[in-house]
Amino acid sequence: MKIPPIHLWMQWRRFFTGMAIGGAISWALFVFIYGTLQEKQSKLIHAQQESIKELKEEKKIWQAEFQALNKKSQEKMTVQDIKVKINPKSALKFNLDGLSIYEVEESIKGDLSIIVAKDLETVFKSRDLLKRVIENKVVKINSKRYRFELKEIYIYTTLNVQLNIHLAN
């Protein structure tokens, strides 16, 4: 029996060493790519769970409001949305930026959010109160105080409010 020459063993060693190194590198790449994808998936799942949780809470609120309304009357219409717009000419008069205008509109929308899911008759009867709520609100923007003047108000399934802005005294 003859022992193979040593240089043949070296070629096999190189071959197996290359396979081992290649396997280790490919495994590391696989683990990195798999981990990155799993991280993205877990973020997506977490975001979807938060969204589902918020939607379920919102759904409970809406269902409670509508069940109470259905007991009163099936045929009455309700306010479903609120849109507040500040007259751009009056905003430009005071050099207000778009972000400030947006924040003020959202603030007023938040104040009026209590009328969402209320029937139109109730909202129409309380339009003077809505007007006073809007006109008595004083907002501080860029260290100046502003008040609002109700220009137009439309009451239907969407409450549209258009405002002019003035300096408060």
C-alpha atoms as a PDB file:
ATOM      1  CA  MET A   1       0.000   0.000   0.000  1.00  0.00           C
ATOM      2  CA  LYS A   2       1.301   3.353  -1.003  1.00  0.00           C
ATOM      3  CA  ILE A   3       0.721   6.628   0.876  1.00  0.00           C
ATOM      4  CA  PRO A   4      -0.315   9.442  -1.460  1.00  0.00           C
ATOM      5  CA  PRO A   5       2.117  12.281  -1.906  1.00  0.00           C
ATOM      6  CA  ILE A   6       1.830  15.262   0.452  1.00  0.00           C
ATOM      7  CA  HIS A   7       1.051  17.824  -2.294  1.00  0.00           C
ATOM      8  CA  LEU A   8      -2.248  16.001  -3.063  1.00  0.00           C
ATOM      9  CA  TRP A   9      -3.248  16.363   0.581  1.00  0.00           C
ATOM     10  CA  MET A  10      -2.586  20.113   0.330  1.00  0.00           C
ATOM     11  CA  GLN A  11      -5.009  20.493  -2.586  1.00  0.00           C
ATOM     12  CA  TRP A  12      -7.725  18.680  -0.643  1.00  0.00           C
ATOM     13  CA  ARG A  13      -7.002  20.779   2.435  1.00  0.00           C
ATOM     14  CA  ARG A  14      -7.363  23.943   0.350  1.00  0.00           C
ATOM     15  CA  PHE A  15     -10.595  22.652  -1.136  1.00  0.00           C
ATOM     16  CA  PHE A  16     -12.132  21.790   2.257  1.00  0.00           C
ATOM     17  CA  THR A  17     -10.806  24.987   3.819  1.00  0.00           C
ATOM     18  CA  GLY A  18     -12.394  26.998   0.998  1.00  0.00           C
ATOM     19  CA  MET A  19     -15.666  25.142   1.496  1.00  0.00           C
ATOM     20  CA  ALA A  20     -15.576  25.823   5.234  1.00  0.00           C
ATOM     21  CA  ILE A  21     -14.783  29.530   4.777  1.00  0.00           C
ATOM     22  CA  GLY A  22     -17.399  29.865   2.016  1.00  0.00           C
ATOM     23  CA  GLY A  23     -19.964  28.119   4.182  1.00  0.00           C
ATOM     24  CA  ALA A  24     -19.202  30.400   7.125  1.00  0.00           C
ATOM     25  CA  ILE A  25     -19.460  33.536   4.963  1.00  0.00           C
ATOM     26  CA  SER A  26     -22.708  32.388   3.332  1.00  0.00           C
ATOM     27  CA  TRP A  27     -24.154  31.507   6.757  1.00  0.00           C
ATOM     28  CA  ALA A  28     -23.202  34.948   8.096  1.00  0.00           C
ATOM     29  CA  LEU A  29     -24.854  36.632   5.080  1.00  0.00           C
ATOM     30  CA  PHE A  30     -27.957  34.489   5.499  1.00  0.00           C
ATOM     31  CA  VAL A  31     -28.231  35.330   9.201  1.00  0.00           C
ATOM     32  CA  PHE A  32     -27.726  39.067   8.506  1.00  0.00           C
ATOM     33  CA  ILE A  33     -30.316  39.220   5.704  1.00  0.00           C
ATOM     34  CA  TYR A  34     -32.792  37.059   7.620  1.00  0.00           C
ATOM     35  CA  GLY A  35     -32.354  39.191  10.747  1.00  0.00           C
ATOM     36  CA  THR A  36     -32.871  42.411   8.789  1.00  0.00           C
ATOM     37  CA  LEU A  37     -36.038  41.081   7.183  1.00  0.00           C
ATOM     38  CA  GLN A  38     -37.337  39.814  10.510  1.00  0.00           C
ATOM     39  CA  GLU A  39     -36.672  43.198  12.106  1.00  0.00           C
ATOM     40  CA  LYS A  40     -38.667  44.929   9.345  1.00  0.00           C
ATOM     41  CA  GLN A  41     -41.478  42.420   9.757  1.00  0.00           C
ATOM     42  CA  SER A  42     -41.578  42.862  13.532  1.00  0.00           C
ATOM     43  CA  LYS A  43     -41.739  46.676  13.124  1.00  0.00           C
ATOM     44  CA  LEU A  44     -44.561  46.291  10.619  1.00  0.00           C
ATOM     45  CA  ILE A  45     -46.446  43.920  12.904  1.00  0.00           C
ATOM     46  CA  HIS A  46     -45.996  46.268  15.860  1.00  0.00           C
ATOM     47  CA  ALA A  47     -47.282  49.229  13.828  1.00  0.00           C
ATOM     48  CA  GLN A  48     -50.254  47.190  12.645  1.00  0.00           C
ATOM     49  CA  GLN A  49     -51.037  46.097  16.207  1.00  0.00           C
ATOM     50  CA  GLU A  50     -50.994  49.730  17.375  1.00  0.00           C
ATOM     51  CA  SER A  51     -53.228  50.717  14.464  1.00  0.00           C
ATOM     52  CA  ILE A  52     -55.643  47.887  15.226  1.00  0.00           C
ATOM     53  CA  LYS A  53     -55.733  48.875  18.898  1.00  0.00           C
ATOM     54  CA  GLU A  54     -56.509  52.507  18.046  1.00  0.00           C
ATOM     55  CA  LEU A  55     -59.150  51.494  15.529  1.00  0.00           C
ATOM     56  CA  LYS A  56     -60.827  49.172  18.024  1.00  0.00           C
ATOM     57  CA  GLU A  57     -60.961  51.958  20.624  1.00  0.00           C
ATOM     58  CA  GLU A  58     -62.343  54.382  18.048  1.00  0.00           C
ATOM     59  CA  LYS A  59     -64.851  51.760  16.968  1.00  0.00           C
ATOM     60  CA  LYS A  60     -66.079  51.323  20.548  1.00  0.00           C
ATOM     61  CA  ILE A  61     -66.583  55.076  20.910  1.00  0.00           C
ATOM     62  CA  TRP A  62     -68.455  55.316  17.630  1.00  0.00           C
ATOM     63  CA  GLN A  63     -70.616  52.308  18.416  1.00  0.00           C
ATOM     64  CA  ALA A  64     -71.598  53.703  21.805  1.00  0.00           C
ATOM     65  CA  GLU A  65     -72.505  57.077  20.287  1.00  0.00           C
ATOM     66  CA  PHE A  66     -74.493  55.550  17.458  1.00  0.00           C
ATOM     67  CA  GLN A  67     -76.357  53.122  19.713  1.00  0.00           C
ATOM     68  CA  ALA A  68     -77.492  56.046  21.844  1.00  0.00           C
ATOM     69  CA  LEU A  69     -78.514  57.930  18.715  1.00  0.00           C
ATOM     70  CA  ASN A  70     -80.383  54.968  17.293  1.00  0.00           C
ATOM     71  CA  LYS A  71     -82.450  54.729  20.448  1.00  0.00           C
ATOM     72  CA  LYS A  72     -83.517  58.373  20.011  1.00  0.00           C
ATOM     73  CA  SER A  73     -84.186  58.292  16.297  1.00  0.00           C
ATOM     74  CA  GLN A  74     -83.218  56.209  13.289  1.00  0.00           C
ATOM     75  CA  GLU A  75     -83.979  58.910  10.785  1.00  0.00           C
ATOM     76  CA  LYS A  76     -82.030  61.886  12.131  1.00  0.00           C
ATOM     77  CA  MET A  77     -78.820  62.790  10.361  1.00  0.00           C
ATOM     78  CA  THR A  78     -75.585  63.313  12.271  1.00  0.00           C
ATOM     79  CA  VAL A  79     -72.491  65.478  11.918  1.00  0.00           C
ATOM     80  CA  GLN A  80     -69.696  63.198  10.797  1.00  0.00           C
ATOM     81  CA  ASP A  81     -66.809  65.552  10.064  1.00  0.00           C
ATOM     82  CA  ILE A  82     -65.577  69.045  10.899  1.00  0.00           C
ATOM     83  CA  LYS A  83     -63.651  71.274   8.514  1.00  0.00           C
ATOM     84  CA  VAL A  84     -62.139  74.528   9.730  1.00  0.00           C
ATOM     85  CA  LYS A  85     -60.546  77.004   7.348  1.00  0.00           C
ATOM     86  CA  ILE A  86     -58.907  80.322   8.173  1.00  0.00           C
ATOM     87  CA  ASN A  87     -59.212  82.919   5.436  1.00  0.00           C
ATOM     88  CA  PRO A  88     -55.782  83.015   3.737  1.00  0.00           C
ATOM     89  CA  LYS A  89     -56.032  86.772   3.126  1.00  0.00           C
ATOM     90  CA  SER A  90     -56.471  87.518   6.815  1.00  0.00           C
ATOM     91  CA  ALA A  91     -53.609  85.110   7.649  1.00  0.00           C
ATOM     92  CA  LEU A  92     -51.292  86.761   5.123  1.00  0.00           C
ATOM     93  CA  LYS A  93     -52.177  90.130   6.603  1.00  0.00           C
ATOM     94  CA  PHE A  94     -50.389  89.065   9.810  1.00  0.00           C
ATOM     95  CA  ASN A  95     -47.617  87.053   8.060  1.00  0.00           C
ATOM     96  CA  LEU A  96     -48.640  83.751   9.638  1.00  0.00           C
ATOM     97  CA  ASP A  97     -46.906  80.638   8.378  1.00  0.00           C
ATOM     98  CA  GLY A  98     -48.770  77.550   7.204  1.00  0.00           C
ATOM     99  CA  LEU A  99     -47.819  75.454  10.232  1.00  0.00           C
ATOM    100  CA  SER A 100     -49.247  77.997  12.673  1.00  0.00           C
ATOM    101  CA  ILE A 101     -52.463  78.201  10.667  1.00  0.00           C
ATOM    102  CA  TYR A 102     -52.713  74.413  10.575  1.00  0.00           C
ATOM    103  CA  GLU A 103     -52.148  74.113  14.331  1.00  0.00           C
ATOM    104  CA  VAL A 104     -54.806  76.742  15.040  1.00  0.00           C
ATOM    105  CA  GLU A 105     -57.281  75.028  12.711  1.00  0.00           C
ATOM    106  CA  GLU A 106     -56.642  71.695  14.447  1.00  0.00           C
ATOM    107  CA  SER A 107     -57.061  73.360  17.853  1.00  0.00           C
ATOM    108  CA  ILE A 108     -60.439  74.765  16.870  1.00  0.00           C
ATOM    109  CA  LYS A 109     -61.401  71.439  15.321  1.00  0.00           C
ATOM    110  CA  GLY A 110     -60.536  69.795  18.648  1.00  0.00           C
ATOM    111  CA  ASP A 111     -62.738  72.278  20.509  1.00  0.00           C
ATOM    112  CA  LEU A 112     -65.620  71.488  18.175  1.00  0.00           C
ATOM    113  CA  SER A 113     -65.090  67.713  18.226  1.00  0.00           C
ATOM    114  CA  ILE A 114     -67.833  67.273  20.839  1.00  0.00           C
ATOM    115  CA  ILE A 115     -70.453  67.762  18.124  1.00  0.00           C
ATOM    116  CA  VAL A 116     -69.286  64.805  16.037  1.00  0.00           C
ATOM    117  CA  ALA A 117     -71.994  62.122  15.946  1.00  0.00           C
ATOM    118  CA  LYS A 118     -74.626  64.596  17.183  1.00  0.00           C
ATOM    119  CA  ASP A 119     -77.815  65.065  15.197  1.00  0.00           C
ATOM    120  CA  LEU A 120     -78.136  68.087  12.927  1.00  0.00           C
ATOM    121  CA  GLU A 121     -81.072  69.529  14.822  1.00  0.00           C
ATOM    122  CA  THR A 122     -79.108  69.731  18.064  1.00  0.00           C
ATOM    123  CA  VAL A 123     -76.090  71.246  16.316  1.00  0.00           C
ATOM    124  CA  PHE A 124     -78.278  73.782  14.528  1.00  0.00           C
ATOM    125  CA  LYS A 125     -79.930  74.800  17.790  1.00  0.00           C
ATOM    126  CA  SER A 126     -76.528  75.281  19.422  1.00  0.00           C
ATOM    127  CA  ARG A 127     -74.996  77.288  16.550  1.00  0.00           C
ATOM    128  CA  ASP A 128     -74.891  80.447  18.707  1.00  0.00           C
ATOM    129  CA  LEU A 129     -72.909  78.555  21.314  1.00  0.00           C
ATOM    130  CA  LEU A 130     -70.537  77.302  18.620  1.00  0.00           C
ATOM    131  CA  LYS A 131     -70.100  80.866  17.402  1.00  0.00           C
ATOM    132  CA  ARG A 132     -69.274  82.075  20.919  1.00  0.00           C
ATOM    133  CA  VAL A 133     -66.835  79.192  21.466  1.00  0.00           C
ATOM    134  CA  ILE A 134     -64.964  80.109  18.307  1.00  0.00           C
ATOM    135  CA  GLU A 135     -65.032  83.887  18.721  1.00  0.00           C
ATOM    136  CA  ASN A 136     -64.044  83.816  22.406  1.00  0.00           C
ATOM    137  CA  LYS A 137     -61.005  81.674  21.715  1.00  0.00           C
ATOM    138  CA  VAL A 138     -57.748  83.613  21.899  1.00  0.00           C
ATOM    139  CA  VAL A 139     -54.645  81.978  20.461  1.00  0.00           C
ATOM    140  CA  LYS A 140     -51.045  82.999  20.986  1.00  0.00           C
ATOM    141  CA  ILE A 141     -48.895  82.710  17.860  1.00  0.00           C
ATOM    142  CA  ASN A 142     -45.341  84.075  17.736  1.00  0.00           C
ATOM    143  CA  SER A 143     -45.873  86.011  20.987  1.00  0.00           C
ATOM    144  CA  LYS A 144     -48.962  87.786  19.591  1.00  0.00           C
ATOM    145  CA  ARG A 145     -52.524  87.095  20.615  1.00  0.00           C
ATOM    146  CA  TYR A 146     -55.141  86.526  17.950  1.00  0.00           C
ATOM    147  CA  ARG A 147     -58.907  86.110  18.035  1.00  0.00           C
ATOM    148  CA  PHE A 148     -61.289  84.812  15.412  1.00  0.00           C
ATOM    149  CA  GLU A 149     -64.322  86.146  13.636  1.00  0.00           C
ATOM    150  CA  LEU A 150     -66.795  83.655  12.258  1.00  0.00           C
ATOM    151  CA  LYS A 151     -67.223  84.370   8.572  1.00  0.00           C
ATOM    152  CA  GLU A 152     -69.413  81.439   7.525  1.00  0.00           C
ATOM    153  CA  ILE A 153     -70.727  78.262   9.096  1.00  0.00           C
ATOM    154  CA  TYR A 154     -72.435  75.458   7.188  1.00  0.00           C
ATOM    155  CA  ILE A 155     -74.111  72.725   9.163  1.00  0.00           C
ATOM    156  CA  TYR A 156     -74.728  69.420   7.442  1.00  0.00           C
ATOM    157  CA  THR A 157     -73.089  66.018   7.765  1.00  0.00           C
ATOM    158  CA  THR A 158     -69.853  67.990   7.505  1.00  0.00           C
ATOM    159  CA  LEU A 159     -69.596  71.120   9.630  1.00  0.00           C
ATOM    160  CA  ASN A 160     -67.750  73.730   7.557  1.00  0.00           C
ATOM    161  CA  VAL A 161     -66.428  76.733   9.453  1.00  0.00           C
ATOM    162  CA  GLN A 162     -64.656  79.640   7.767  1.00  0.00           C
ATOM    163  CA  LEU A 163     -62.887  82.184   9.936  1.00  0.00           C
ATOM    164  CA  ASN A 164     -61.116  85.501   9.738  1.00  0.00           C
ATOM    165  CA  ILE A 165     -58.258  86.148  12.133  1.00  0.00           C
ATOM    166  CA  HIS A 166     -57.685  89.459  13.974  1.00  0.00           C
ATOM    167  CA  LEU A 167     -55.302  90.758  16.607  1.00  0.00           C
ATOM    168  CA  ALA A 168     -56.730  90.512  20.109  1.00  0.00           C
ATOM    169  CA  ASN A 169     -56.761  93.683  22.185  1.00  0.00           C
END
